[in-house]
Amino acid sequence: MLPAEASGTSMAASGYRVALALAVPLSLRGPARRARARGGMRRGAPARRRARLRPYAAAMAIDLTAPPANFLAFWREKHVCTLTTPRPDGTPHVVPVGVTYDPGERLARIITGGATTKVRHVRAAGDGGARVAVCQPAGRYWTTLEGVATVSEDPVRVADAERRYALRYGREPRENPARVVIEIAVTRAMGNLPRPA
């Protein structure tokens, strides 16, 4: 082969390799491509690493008539939750709250001041109550309770809600003579929970 021909051939091969490299995404080159072909794990990966890829159950509806133990345990842990209430225009208003849940009564309780926005939203819905949701996230785990919320100023009901709050969160709520309790009659629950031990 003449030198000029050899040079031309070499340049053509180099051009082909460059074009091929540009056409293949980085995520599919070399070790990454081989690992993906084997299902995303490199050969010989420890079983515990593979197990960590699926550490929790799939999101599912919760049977409120027979709630699973991991659901009840999750609602006894100390977590900050969110409450979603509807504004008058229908858009969601979301705020952080402390929530307690009584599975026997299927009742979630939130203590708060009587002049707060969330209380105004619930009261604006009328005597029938407001459709709301509370969500409790904890890292990759979460549960959501949906139901109908009403507001009570009854001192007995407020005191009961304060007691339950103190038991769950480990501290007495501060003094607030204007405190009320938002009570949510839970109608639906769903979640992504730790697998039972």
Protein backbone atom coordinates (compact mmCIF):
# COMPACT_ATOMS: atom_id res chain seq x y z
CA MET A 1 0.00 0.00 0.00
CA LEU A 2 1.32 3.42 -0.92
CA PRO A 3 1.92 5.93 1.90
CA ALA A 4 -0.78 8.23 0.58
CA GLU A 5 -3.30 5.37 0.51
CA ALA A 6 -2.34 4.26 4.01
CA SER A 7 -2.78 7.79 5.30
CA GLY A 8 -6.19 8.09 3.65
CA THR A 9 -7.33 4.78 5.09
CA SER A 10 -6.15 5.77 8.60
CA MET A 11 -7.98 9.09 8.39
CA ALA A 12 -11.18 7.37 7.24
CA ALA A 13 -11.00 4.88 10.11
CA SER A 14 -10.45 7.68 12.60
CA GLY A 15 -13.37 9.60 11.19
CA TYR A 16 -15.58 6.51 11.53
CA ARG A 17 -14.57 6.07 15.18
CA VAL A 18 -15.30 9.70 15.97
CA ALA A 19 -18.71 9.54 14.27
CA LEU A 20 -19.55 6.34 16.14
CA ALA A 21 -18.52 7.88 19.48
CA LEU A 22 -20.69 10.93 18.88
CA ALA A 23 -23.66 8.75 17.94
CA VAL A 24 -23.53 6.64 21.13
CA PRO A 25 -24.58 8.39 24.39
CA LEU A 26 -22.04 8.43 27.19
CA SER A 27 -24.43 6.41 29.33
CA LEU A 28 -24.15 3.49 26.90
CA ARG A 29 -20.35 3.41 26.47
CA GLY A 30 -17.82 1.12 28.06
CA PRO A 31 -18.51 -0.32 31.55
CA ALA A 32 -21.83 1.54 31.83
CA ARG A 33 -23.10 -0.17 28.66
CA ARG A 34 -22.06 -3.60 29.92
CA ALA A 35 -23.56 -2.94 33.36
CA ARG A 36 -26.87 -1.81 31.84
CA ALA A 37 -26.97 -4.92 29.65
CA ARG A 38 -26.72 -6.99 32.84
CA GLY A 39 -29.67 -5.18 34.40
CA GLY A 40 -27.94 -2.18 35.96
CA MET A 41 -25.58 -4.04 38.32
CA ARG A 42 -21.94 -4.89 37.73
CA ARG A 43 -20.95 -8.53 37.88
CA GLY A 44 -20.39 -9.75 41.41
CA ALA A 45 -22.26 -6.91 43.15
CA PRO A 46 -23.11 -7.94 46.72
CA ALA A 47 -26.66 -9.10 47.33
CA ARG A 48 -27.14 -6.39 49.96
CA ARG A 49 -26.56 -3.70 47.29
CA ARG A 50 -29.21 -5.25 45.08
CA ALA A 51 -31.59 -5.43 48.03
CA ARG A 52 -31.16 -1.72 48.70
CA LEU A 53 -32.65 -0.96 45.29
CA ARG A 54 -36.09 -2.11 46.54
CA PRO A 55 -36.22 -1.10 50.24
CA TYR A 56 -39.93 -0.34 50.43
CA ALA A 57 -43.26 -1.62 49.25
CA ALA A 58 -45.02 -0.15 46.26
CA ALA A 59 -47.49 2.69 46.85
CA MET A 60 -50.84 1.20 47.74
CA ALA A 61 -54.25 1.93 49.17
CA ILE A 62 -54.60 1.29 52.90
CA ASP A 63 -57.57 -0.68 54.22
CA LEU A 64 -58.88 1.54 57.02
CA THR A 65 -61.03 -1.27 58.38
CA ALA A 66 -57.91 -3.38 59.01
CA PRO A 67 -54.87 -1.08 58.74
CA PRO A 68 -51.51 -2.88 58.60
CA ALA A 69 -49.11 -2.70 61.52
CA ASN A 70 -46.48 -0.73 59.60
CA PHE A 71 -49.09 1.93 58.75
CA LEU A 72 -50.09 2.32 62.41
CA ALA A 73 -46.46 2.36 63.55
CA PHE A 74 -45.63 5.04 60.99
CA TRP A 75 -48.38 7.28 62.38
CA ARG A 76 -47.00 6.86 65.90
CA GLU A 77 -43.55 8.09 64.88
CA LYS A 78 -42.64 11.75 65.29
CA HIS A 79 -42.96 13.41 61.88
CA VAL A 80 -44.03 16.81 60.62
CA CYS A 81 -46.93 16.52 58.17
CA THR A 82 -48.59 18.75 55.61
CA LEU A 83 -52.24 19.79 55.46
CA THR A 84 -53.82 20.69 52.13
CA THR A 85 -57.02 22.77 52.23
CA PRO A 86 -58.93 24.34 49.32
CA ARG A 87 -58.85 28.09 48.84
CA PRO A 88 -62.11 29.78 47.79
CA ASP A 89 -60.90 29.70 44.16
CA GLY A 90 -60.24 25.95 44.39
CA THR A 91 -56.43 26.11 44.43
CA PRO A 92 -54.62 24.13 47.14
CA HIS A 93 -53.18 25.75 50.27
CA VAL A 94 -50.45 23.58 51.82
CA VAL A 95 -48.89 24.14 55.26
CA PRO A 96 -46.78 22.10 57.70
CA VAL A 97 -48.66 20.79 60.74
CA GLY A 98 -48.52 18.28 63.55
CA VAL A 99 -51.13 15.55 63.16
CA THR A 100 -52.38 12.72 65.32
CA TYR A 101 -54.39 9.82 63.95
CA ASP A 102 -56.88 7.64 65.81
CA PRO A 103 -57.46 4.46 63.77
CA GLY A 104 -60.39 3.41 65.95
CA GLU A 105 -62.35 6.55 65.17
CA ARG A 106 -60.63 7.06 61.80
CA LEU A 107 -60.07 10.61 62.92
CA ALA A 108 -57.05 12.85 62.32
CA ARG A 109 -56.63 15.87 64.57
CA ILE A 110 -54.71 19.12 64.13
CA ILE A 111 -54.50 21.77 66.84
CA THR A 112 -54.14 25.35 65.66
CA GLY A 113 -55.19 28.93 66.25
CA GLY A 114 -58.75 29.85 65.43
CA ALA A 115 -57.72 32.72 63.15
CA THR A 116 -55.36 30.76 60.89
CA THR A 117 -55.84 30.54 57.14
CA LYS A 118 -56.38 26.79 57.20
CA VAL A 119 -59.21 27.19 59.71
CA ARG A 120 -60.81 29.89 57.57
CA HIS A 121 -60.67 27.58 54.56
CA VAL A 122 -62.35 24.73 56.42
CA ARG A 123 -65.05 26.98 57.85
CA ALA A 124 -65.70 28.51 54.44
CA ALA A 125 -66.82 25.10 53.20
CA GLY A 126 -69.86 25.23 55.48
CA ASP A 127 -71.39 22.71 57.86
CA GLY A 128 -70.66 19.82 55.53
CA GLY A 129 -66.93 20.32 56.00
CA ALA A 130 -64.04 20.69 53.56
CA ARG A 131 -62.33 17.98 51.55
CA VAL A 132 -58.72 17.98 52.72
CA ALA A 133 -55.63 15.79 52.82
CA VAL A 134 -52.77 15.34 55.26
CA CYS A 135 -49.50 13.83 54.10
CA GLN A 136 -46.74 12.46 56.27
CA PRO A 137 -43.39 12.12 54.43
CA ALA A 138 -40.26 10.62 55.94
CA GLY A 139 -37.50 10.28 53.36
CA ARG A 140 -38.66 7.77 50.77
CA TYR A 141 -41.66 6.69 52.86
CA TRP A 142 -45.00 8.50 53.09
CA THR A 143 -48.69 8.16 53.79
CA THR A 144 -51.63 10.37 52.88
CA LEU A 145 -54.98 10.58 54.65
CA GLU A 146 -57.93 12.09 52.80
CA GLY A 147 -61.22 13.08 54.37
CA VAL A 148 -63.68 15.73 55.44
CA ALA A 149 -62.49 18.39 57.89
CA THR A 150 -64.51 20.38 60.39
CA VAL A 151 -63.45 22.83 63.11
CA SER A 152 -64.34 22.43 66.78
CA GLU A 153 -63.97 24.97 69.58
CA ASP A 154 -65.30 22.56 72.21
CA PRO A 155 -62.84 22.76 75.15
CA VAL A 156 -63.14 19.03 75.81
CA ARG A 157 -62.32 18.14 72.20
CA VAL A 158 -59.49 20.68 72.08
CA ALA A 159 -58.00 19.31 75.32
CA ASP A 160 -58.20 15.75 73.97
CA ALA A 161 -56.39 16.83 70.80
CA GLU A 162 -53.71 18.59 72.88
CA ARG A 163 -53.18 15.43 74.93
CA ARG A 164 -52.78 13.31 71.83
CA TYR A 165 -50.37 15.85 70.34
CA ALA A 166 -48.21 15.76 73.49
CA LEU A 167 -48.10 11.95 73.44
CA ARG A 168 -46.99 11.79 69.83
CA TYR A 169 -44.58 14.72 69.67
CA GLY A 170 -43.14 14.45 73.17
CA ARG A 171 -43.91 17.98 74.31
CA GLU A 172 -46.84 19.99 75.57
CA PRO A 173 -48.26 22.49 73.08
CA ARG A 174 -47.76 26.11 74.07
CA GLU A 175 -50.58 28.00 75.73
CA ASN A 176 -53.12 29.37 73.26
CA PRO A 177 -56.53 30.46 74.55
CA ALA A 178 -57.74 30.82 70.94
CA ARG A 179 -56.85 27.23 70.05
CA VAL A 180 -59.27 25.05 68.09
CA VAL A 181 -59.00 21.57 66.65
CA ILE A 182 -59.42 20.60 63.02
CA GLU A 183 -60.93 17.13 62.96
CA ILE A 184 -60.66 15.11 59.77
CA ALA A 185 -63.02 12.16 59.27
CA VAL A 186 -60.68 10.00 57.20
CA THR A 187 -62.27 8.28 54.21
CA ARG A 188 -59.19 7.15 52.28
CA ALA A 189 -55.55 6.37 52.94
CA MET A 190 -52.60 5.43 50.76
CA GLY A 191 -48.90 5.18 51.24
CA ASN A 192 -45.45 3.89 50.51
CA LEU A 193 -44.34 2.28 53.77
CA PRO A 194 -41.39 0.37 55.16
CA ARG A 195 -41.81 -3.35 54.70
CA PRO A 196 -42.85 -5.18 57.87
CA ALA A 197 -39.87 -6.59 59.77
